[in-house]
Amino acid sequence: MMDRLDQNHCPSLLEIGEYVGGPLFSQFCEEVMGRYQCTERIEFSACSMEKGWNVKFKKSGKALCTVYPREGYFTAMVVVGRKEKEPVEAILPSCDSRLGELYAQTREGNGQRWLMIDLEDRDGVYRDVFRLLDIRASR
């Protein structure tokens, strides 16, 4: 079993998926890579706020999202910057109310909001994460 905090062993995507449990993590990664023609990079973060292994998805050098594995679910961090703010705020009324609440509760700093979105199943929030990623990928 993967140890999220063991920086001496870089886990594979498969090991991270087994740690998270269920098929959702693998489905999410495959969908991100297929939809945006990007690759993943597994990195260890020593940041005290989110210490441990994570998966970064980048397209043309731009970060689309970072995924933090948890036992039983995972968290997708999507940054809404100055370029994305207006289009994201335009779609929020049609997004799952939980995403709207998260957006409202996330403080803006330097023109950015770092949304930490917990994903447990393929629900409205899961769908809306891809709407946010569509906006990030197009900017």
N, C-alpha and C. Protein backbone atom coordinates (compact mmCIF):
# COMPACT_ATOMS: atom_id res chain seq x y z
N MET A 1 0.84 -1.20 0.00
CA MET A 1 0.00 0.00 0.00
C MET A 1 0.88 1.25 0.00
N MET A 2 0.50 2.19 -0.82
CA MET A 2 1.27 3.44 -0.95
C MET A 2 1.25 4.23 0.37
N ASP A 3 2.39 4.82 0.68
CA ASP A 3 2.48 5.76 1.79
C ASP A 3 2.60 7.15 1.17
N ARG A 4 1.55 7.93 1.31
CA ARG A 4 1.48 9.25 0.69
C ARG A 4 2.61 10.17 1.13
N LEU A 5 3.19 9.91 2.31
CA LEU A 5 4.22 10.79 2.85
C LEU A 5 5.64 10.24 2.71
N ASP A 6 5.80 9.06 2.09
CA ASP A 6 7.12 8.46 1.90
C ASP A 6 7.76 9.04 0.64
N GLN A 7 8.61 10.04 0.82
CA GLN A 7 9.20 10.70 -0.34
C GLN A 7 10.30 9.88 -1.00
N ASN A 8 10.67 8.74 -0.41
CA ASN A 8 11.70 7.88 -0.99
C ASN A 8 11.16 6.92 -2.03
N HIS A 9 9.83 6.79 -2.12
CA HIS A 9 9.24 5.90 -3.12
C HIS A 9 8.20 6.67 -3.93
N CYS A 10 8.55 6.95 -5.18
CA CYS A 10 7.61 7.64 -6.08
C CYS A 10 6.59 6.62 -6.57
N PRO A 11 5.32 6.80 -6.19
CA PRO A 11 4.31 5.83 -6.61
C PRO A 11 3.93 6.02 -8.08
N SER A 12 3.42 4.96 -8.68
CA SER A 12 2.89 5.03 -10.04
C SER A 12 1.44 5.52 -9.96
N LEU A 13 0.88 5.87 -11.11
CA LEU A 13 -0.54 6.24 -11.14
C LEU A 13 -1.39 5.08 -10.64
N LEU A 14 -1.01 3.85 -10.99
CA LEU A 14 -1.75 2.67 -10.54
C LEU A 14 -1.72 2.56 -9.02
N GLU A 15 -0.54 2.76 -8.42
CA GLU A 15 -0.45 2.69 -6.96
C GLU A 15 -1.28 3.79 -6.29
N ILE A 16 -1.27 4.97 -6.87
CA ILE A 16 -2.07 6.07 -6.32
C ILE A 16 -3.55 5.72 -6.43
N GLY A 17 -3.95 5.16 -7.57
CA GLY A 17 -5.34 4.74 -7.75
C GLY A 17 -5.76 3.69 -6.74
N GLU A 18 -4.87 2.74 -6.44
CA GLU A 18 -5.17 1.71 -5.44
C GLU A 18 -5.30 2.35 -4.05
N TYR A 19 -4.46 3.34 -3.77
CA TYR A 19 -4.52 4.04 -2.48
C TYR A 19 -5.86 4.77 -2.33
N VAL A 20 -6.28 5.45 -3.39
CA VAL A 20 -7.55 6.18 -3.36
C VAL A 20 -8.71 5.20 -3.25
N GLY A 21 -8.63 4.09 -4.00
CA GLY A 21 -9.69 3.08 -3.98
C GLY A 21 -10.78 3.42 -4.97
N GLY A 22 -11.38 2.39 -5.55
CA GLY A 22 -12.44 2.60 -6.54
C GLY A 22 -11.88 3.09 -7.86
N PRO A 23 -12.72 3.15 -8.88
CA PRO A 23 -12.26 3.49 -10.23
C PRO A 23 -12.20 5.00 -10.54
N LEU A 24 -12.72 5.85 -9.68
CA LEU A 24 -12.88 7.27 -10.02
C LEU A 24 -11.56 7.98 -10.32
N PHE A 25 -10.54 7.73 -9.52
CA PHE A 25 -9.25 8.40 -9.73
C PHE A 25 -8.71 8.08 -11.11
N SER A 26 -8.69 6.80 -11.47
CA SER A 26 -8.17 6.40 -12.79
C SER A 26 -9.01 6.99 -13.92
N GLN A 27 -10.33 6.98 -13.76
CA GLN A 27 -11.22 7.56 -14.77
C GLN A 27 -10.92 9.05 -14.94
N PHE A 28 -10.75 9.75 -13.83
CA PHE A 28 -10.48 11.18 -13.88
C PHE A 28 -9.17 11.45 -14.62
N CYS A 29 -8.11 10.71 -14.25
CA CYS A 29 -6.80 10.91 -14.89
C CYS A 29 -6.87 10.63 -16.39
N GLU A 30 -7.51 9.53 -16.76
CA GLU A 30 -7.64 9.19 -18.18
C GLU A 30 -8.41 10.26 -18.93
N GLU A 31 -9.48 10.75 -18.31
CA GLU A 31 -10.29 11.78 -18.96
C GLU A 31 -9.52 13.08 -19.14
N VAL A 32 -8.76 13.48 -18.12
CA VAL A 32 -7.96 14.71 -18.23
C VAL A 32 -6.92 14.55 -19.34
N MET A 33 -6.19 13.42 -19.34
CA MET A 33 -5.14 13.23 -20.34
C MET A 33 -5.71 13.12 -21.76
N GLY A 34 -6.84 12.46 -21.90
CA GLY A 34 -7.45 12.30 -23.22
C GLY A 34 -8.07 13.59 -23.73
N ARG A 35 -8.77 14.27 -22.87
CA ARG A 35 -9.50 15.47 -23.27
C ARG A 35 -8.57 16.64 -23.60
N TYR A 36 -7.48 16.77 -22.83
CA TYR A 36 -6.60 17.93 -23.00
C TYR A 36 -5.25 17.57 -23.61
N GLN A 37 -5.09 16.32 -24.03
CA GLN A 37 -3.84 15.87 -24.65
C GLN A 37 -2.64 16.32 -23.82
N CYS A 38 -2.68 15.99 -22.54
CA CYS A 38 -1.61 16.38 -21.64
C CYS A 38 -1.07 15.14 -20.93
N THR A 39 -0.02 15.35 -20.18
CA THR A 39 0.57 14.25 -19.44
C THR A 39 0.55 14.57 -17.96
N GLU A 40 0.76 13.53 -17.17
CA GLU A 40 0.79 13.72 -15.73
C GLU A 40 2.23 13.77 -15.25
N ARG A 41 2.42 14.42 -14.14
CA ARG A 41 3.72 14.41 -13.49
C ARG A 41 3.48 14.16 -12.00
N ILE A 42 4.04 13.08 -11.50
CA ILE A 42 3.88 12.73 -10.09
C ILE A 42 5.01 13.41 -9.32
N GLU A 43 4.64 14.21 -8.33
CA GLU A 43 5.62 14.98 -7.57
C GLU A 43 5.36 14.86 -6.08
N PHE A 44 6.42 15.06 -5.31
CA PHE A 44 6.29 15.09 -3.86
C PHE A 44 6.35 16.54 -3.42
N SER A 45 5.37 16.94 -2.65
CA SER A 45 5.33 18.31 -2.14
C SER A 45 5.71 18.28 -0.67
N ALA A 46 6.66 19.13 -0.31
CA ALA A 46 7.05 19.24 1.09
C ALA A 46 6.31 20.39 1.77
N CYS A 47 5.41 21.01 1.04
CA CYS A 47 4.62 22.12 1.56
C CYS A 47 3.84 21.64 2.80
N SER A 48 3.90 22.40 3.87
CA SER A 48 3.26 21.97 5.11
C SER A 48 1.74 21.88 4.97
N MET A 49 1.16 22.65 4.03
CA MET A 49 -0.28 22.64 3.88
C MET A 49 -0.77 21.36 3.18
N GLU A 50 -0.04 20.86 2.19
CA GLU A 50 -0.43 19.67 1.43
C GLU A 50 0.77 18.77 1.21
N LYS A 51 1.37 18.32 2.29
CA LYS A 51 2.56 17.48 2.18
C LYS A 51 2.19 16.11 1.62
N GLY A 52 3.03 15.62 0.73
CA GLY A 52 2.84 14.27 0.19
C GLY A 52 2.83 14.24 -1.32
N TRP A 53 2.58 13.07 -1.86
CA TRP A 53 2.56 12.87 -3.32
C TRP A 53 1.33 13.48 -3.94
N ASN A 54 1.50 14.05 -5.13
CA ASN A 54 0.36 14.58 -5.88
C ASN A 54 0.63 14.35 -7.36
N VAL A 55 -0.40 14.57 -8.16
CA VAL A 55 -0.30 14.39 -9.60
C VAL A 55 -0.65 15.72 -10.26
N LYS A 56 0.30 16.24 -11.04
CA LYS A 56 0.07 17.51 -11.74
C LYS A 56 -0.21 17.23 -13.21
N PHE A 57 -1.21 17.91 -13.74
CA PHE A 57 -1.53 17.83 -15.15
C PHE A 57 -1.23 19.18 -15.78
N LYS A 58 -0.37 19.18 -16.81
CA LYS A 58 -0.01 20.42 -17.49
C LYS A 58 -0.22 20.26 -18.98
N LYS A 59 -0.60 21.36 -19.61
CA LYS A 59 -0.76 21.40 -21.06
C LYS A 59 0.03 22.60 -21.56
N SER A 60 0.97 22.36 -22.45
CA SER A 60 1.82 23.42 -23.00
C SER A 60 2.47 24.25 -21.89
N GLY A 61 2.92 23.59 -20.84
CA GLY A 61 3.60 24.27 -19.74
C GLY A 61 2.68 24.93 -18.73
N LYS A 62 1.38 24.92 -18.99
CA LYS A 62 0.42 25.56 -18.08
C LYS A 62 -0.25 24.50 -17.21
N ALA A 63 -0.28 24.74 -15.91
CA ALA A 63 -0.93 23.81 -14.99
C ALA A 63 -2.44 23.82 -15.20
N LEU A 64 -3.01 22.63 -15.43
CA LEU A 64 -4.47 22.53 -15.52
C LEU A 64 -5.05 22.27 -14.13
N CYS A 65 -4.48 21.28 -13.44
CA CYS A 65 -4.93 20.97 -12.09
C CYS A 65 -3.88 20.11 -11.40
N THR A 66 -3.98 20.05 -10.09
CA THR A 66 -3.15 19.17 -9.28
C THR A 66 -4.09 18.29 -8.48
N VAL A 67 -3.80 17.00 -8.44
CA VAL A 67 -4.66 16.04 -7.75
C VAL A 67 -3.94 15.51 -6.52
N TYR A 68 -4.60 15.62 -5.38
CA TYR A 68 -4.07 15.14 -4.11
C TYR A 68 -4.84 13.88 -3.71
N PRO A 69 -4.15 12.72 -3.65
CA PRO A 69 -4.84 11.48 -3.29
C PRO A 69 -5.18 11.44 -1.80
N ARG A 70 -6.33 10.89 -1.51
CA ARG A 70 -6.79 10.66 -0.13
C ARG A 70 -7.31 9.22 -0.08
N GLU A 71 -7.48 8.70 1.09
CA GLU A 71 -8.07 7.36 1.18
C GLU A 71 -9.57 7.47 0.96
N GLY A 72 -10.05 6.88 -0.14
CA GLY A 72 -11.48 6.88 -0.43
C GLY A 72 -11.95 7.99 -1.36
N TYR A 73 -11.10 8.97 -1.62
CA TYR A 73 -11.45 10.06 -2.53
C TYR A 73 -10.17 10.80 -2.90
N PHE A 74 -10.29 11.85 -3.69
CA PHE A 74 -9.14 12.70 -4.01
C PHE A 74 -9.60 14.14 -4.13
N THR A 75 -8.64 15.04 -4.05
CA THR A 75 -8.93 16.46 -4.14
C THR A 75 -8.25 17.01 -5.39
N ALA A 76 -9.03 17.70 -6.22
CA ALA A 76 -8.49 18.35 -7.41
C ALA A 76 -8.37 19.84 -7.11
N MET A 77 -7.14 20.35 -7.22
CA MET A 77 -6.95 21.79 -7.04
C MET A 77 -6.96 22.44 -8.42
N VAL A 78 -7.89 23.37 -8.61
CA VAL A 78 -7.99 24.11 -9.86
C VAL A 78 -7.83 25.59 -9.50
N VAL A 79 -6.86 26.22 -10.15
CA VAL A 79 -6.62 27.64 -9.90
C VAL A 79 -7.45 28.47 -10.88
N VAL A 80 -8.20 29.40 -10.33
CA VAL A 80 -8.96 30.34 -11.15
C VAL A 80 -8.21 31.67 -11.05
N GLY A 81 -7.52 32.00 -12.13
CA GLY A 81 -6.73 33.23 -12.17
C GLY A 81 -7.49 34.37 -12.82
N ARG A 82 -6.80 35.46 -13.03
CA ARG A 82 -7.43 36.65 -13.63
C ARG A 82 -8.07 36.34 -14.98
N LYS A 83 -7.39 35.56 -15.81
CA LYS A 83 -7.91 35.25 -17.15
C LYS A 83 -9.16 34.38 -17.09
N GLU A 84 -9.26 33.54 -16.07
CA GLU A 84 -10.39 32.62 -15.97
C GLU A 84 -11.56 33.16 -15.16
N LYS A 85 -11.31 34.19 -14.36
CA LYS A 85 -12.32 34.66 -13.40
C LYS A 85 -13.68 34.97 -14.04
N GLU A 86 -13.68 35.79 -15.07
CA GLU A 86 -14.96 36.18 -15.67
C GLU A 86 -15.72 34.99 -16.27
N PRO A 87 -15.06 34.15 -17.10
CA PRO A 87 -15.81 33.01 -17.64
C PRO A 87 -16.25 32.00 -16.57
N VAL A 88 -15.44 31.83 -15.52
CA VAL A 88 -15.83 30.91 -14.44
C VAL A 88 -17.04 31.48 -13.70
N GLU A 89 -17.00 32.75 -13.37
CA GLU A 89 -18.13 33.35 -12.65
C GLU A 89 -19.40 33.34 -13.51
N ALA A 90 -19.24 33.36 -14.83
CA ALA A 90 -20.41 33.30 -15.72
C ALA A 90 -21.08 31.93 -15.68
N ILE A 91 -20.31 30.86 -15.49
CA ILE A 91 -20.92 29.51 -15.47
C ILE A 91 -21.34 29.06 -14.07
N LEU A 92 -20.85 29.73 -13.02
CA LEU A 92 -21.14 29.28 -11.65
C LEU A 92 -22.63 29.09 -11.36
N PRO A 93 -23.52 29.99 -11.82
CA PRO A 93 -24.93 29.77 -11.53
C PRO A 93 -25.48 28.44 -12.06
N SER A 94 -24.87 27.91 -13.11
CA SER A 94 -25.35 26.64 -13.67
C SER A 94 -24.55 25.44 -13.15
N CYS A 95 -23.62 25.69 -12.24
CA CYS A 95 -22.82 24.61 -11.64
C CYS A 95 -23.51 24.07 -10.40
N ASP A 96 -23.05 22.92 -9.96
CA ASP A 96 -23.52 22.32 -8.71
C ASP A 96 -23.36 23.36 -7.59
N SER A 97 -24.35 23.46 -6.73
CA SER A 97 -24.32 24.49 -5.68
C SER A 97 -23.11 24.33 -4.76
N ARG A 98 -22.61 23.11 -4.59
CA ARG A 98 -21.44 22.90 -3.73
C ARG A 98 -20.21 23.60 -4.30
N LEU A 99 -20.09 23.62 -5.64
CA LEU A 99 -18.96 24.30 -6.26
C LEU A 99 -19.10 25.81 -6.09
N GLY A 100 -20.32 26.32 -6.25
CA GLY A 100 -20.56 27.75 -6.05
C GLY A 100 -20.23 28.17 -4.63
N GLU A 101 -20.60 27.34 -3.65
CA GLU A 101 -20.30 27.64 -2.25
C GLU A 101 -18.79 27.62 -2.01
N LEU A 102 -18.12 26.63 -2.58
CA LEU A 102 -16.66 26.54 -2.43
C LEU A 102 -15.99 27.77 -3.03
N TYR A 103 -16.43 28.17 -4.21
CA TYR A 103 -15.87 29.35 -4.87
C TYR A 103 -16.06 30.59 -3.99
N ALA A 104 -17.25 30.76 -3.44
CA ALA A 104 -17.55 31.92 -2.61
C ALA A 104 -16.71 31.92 -1.32
N GLN A 105 -16.44 30.74 -0.78
CA GLN A 105 -15.70 30.62 0.48
C GLN A 105 -14.18 30.70 0.30
N THR A 106 -13.70 30.53 -0.94
CA THR A 106 -12.26 30.54 -1.19
C THR A 106 -11.79 31.97 -1.37
N ARG A 107 -10.85 32.37 -0.51
CA ARG A 107 -10.34 33.74 -0.58
C ARG A 107 -9.52 33.95 -1.84
N GLU A 108 -9.62 35.15 -2.37
CA GLU A 108 -8.83 35.51 -3.55
C GLU A 108 -7.54 36.15 -3.07
N GLY A 109 -6.43 35.73 -3.68
CA GLY A 109 -5.13 36.32 -3.36
C GLY A 109 -4.34 36.50 -4.64
N ASN A 110 -3.78 37.68 -4.84
CA ASN A 110 -3.04 37.98 -6.07
C ASN A 110 -3.87 37.69 -7.32
N GLY A 111 -5.16 37.93 -7.25
CA GLY A 111 -6.02 37.72 -8.41
C GLY A 111 -6.33 36.26 -8.70
N GLN A 112 -6.06 35.37 -7.73
CA GLN A 112 -6.31 33.94 -7.94
C GLN A 112 -7.11 33.35 -6.80
N ARG A 113 -7.88 32.31 -7.15
CA ARG A 113 -8.54 31.48 -6.14
C ARG A 113 -8.06 30.06 -6.38
N TRP A 114 -7.58 29.43 -5.34
CA TRP A 114 -7.11 28.05 -5.43
C TRP A 114 -8.23 27.16 -4.89
N LEU A 115 -9.01 26.61 -5.79
CA LEU A 115 -10.15 25.80 -5.39
C LEU A 115 -9.70 24.37 -5.09
N MET A 116 -9.96 23.91 -3.88
CA MET A 116 -9.64 22.54 -3.46
C MET A 116 -10.96 21.77 -3.49
N ILE A 117 -11.15 20.97 -4.55
CA ILE A 117 -12.43 20.33 -4.82
C ILE A 117 -12.34 18.83 -4.54
N ASP A 118 -13.05 18.38 -3.51
CA ASP A 118 -13.06 16.96 -3.17
C ASP A 118 -13.96 16.20 -4.13
N LEU A 119 -13.43 15.10 -4.69
CA LEU A 119 -14.20 14.28 -5.63
C LEU A 119 -14.32 12.86 -5.07
N GLU A 120 -15.58 12.43 -4.92
CA GLU A 120 -15.85 11.10 -4.39
C GLU A 120 -16.63 10.24 -5.38
N ASP A 121 -17.36 10.87 -6.29
CA ASP A 121 -18.08 10.11 -7.32
C ASP A 121 -18.33 10.99 -8.54
N ARG A 122 -18.87 10.37 -9.58
CA ARG A 122 -19.11 11.09 -10.85
C ARG A 122 -20.43 11.84 -10.76
N ASP A 123 -20.42 12.92 -10.02
CA ASP A 123 -21.64 13.69 -9.82
C ASP A 123 -21.52 15.05 -10.51
N GLY A 124 -22.35 15.97 -10.12
CA GLY A 124 -22.34 17.29 -10.73
C GLY A 124 -21.03 18.03 -10.50
N VAL A 125 -20.44 17.87 -9.33
CA VAL A 125 -19.18 18.54 -9.04
C VAL A 125 -18.08 18.00 -9.96
N TYR A 126 -18.07 16.68 -10.17
CA TYR A 126 -17.09 16.06 -11.08
C TYR A 126 -17.23 16.67 -12.47
N ARG A 127 -18.44 16.74 -12.96
CA ARG A 127 -18.70 17.33 -14.28
C ARG A 127 -18.24 18.78 -14.33
N ASP A 128 -18.52 19.52 -13.27
CA ASP A 128 -18.17 20.94 -13.24
C ASP A 128 -16.67 21.17 -13.17
N VAL A 129 -15.91 20.24 -12.58
CA VAL A 129 -14.45 20.37 -12.58
C VAL A 129 -13.96 20.42 -14.03
N PHE A 130 -14.56 19.60 -14.89
CA PHE A 130 -14.15 19.61 -16.29
C PHE A 130 -14.58 20.90 -16.99
N ARG A 131 -15.65 21.50 -16.55
CA ARG A 131 -16.02 22.81 -17.10
C ARG A 131 -14.96 23.85 -16.73
N LEU A 132 -14.46 23.78 -15.50
CA LEU A 132 -13.39 24.69 -15.08
C LEU A 132 -12.11 24.42 -15.87
N LEU A 133 -11.80 23.14 -16.04
CA LEU A 133 -10.59 22.79 -16.79
C LEU A 133 -10.69 23.21 -18.25
N ASP A 134 -11.90 23.12 -18.83
CA ASP A 134 -12.10 23.60 -20.20
C ASP A 134 -11.72 25.07 -20.31
N ILE A 135 -12.13 25.85 -19.32
CA ILE A 135 -11.82 27.27 -19.30
C ILE A 135 -10.32 27.50 -19.15
N ARG A 136 -9.70 26.78 -18.22
CA ARG A 136 -8.23 26.93 -18.03
C ARG A 136 -7.47 26.54 -19.30
N ALA A 137 -7.89 25.46 -19.93
CA ALA A 137 -7.18 24.98 -21.13
C ALA A 137 -7.32 25.93 -22.30
N SER A 138 -8.39 26.71 -22.32
CA SER A 138 -8.63 27.60 -23.48
C SER A 138 -7.99 28.98 -23.31
N ARG A 139 -7.43 29.25 -22.18
CA ARG A 139 -6.85 30.59 -21.91
C ARG A 139 -5.37 30.62 -22.18
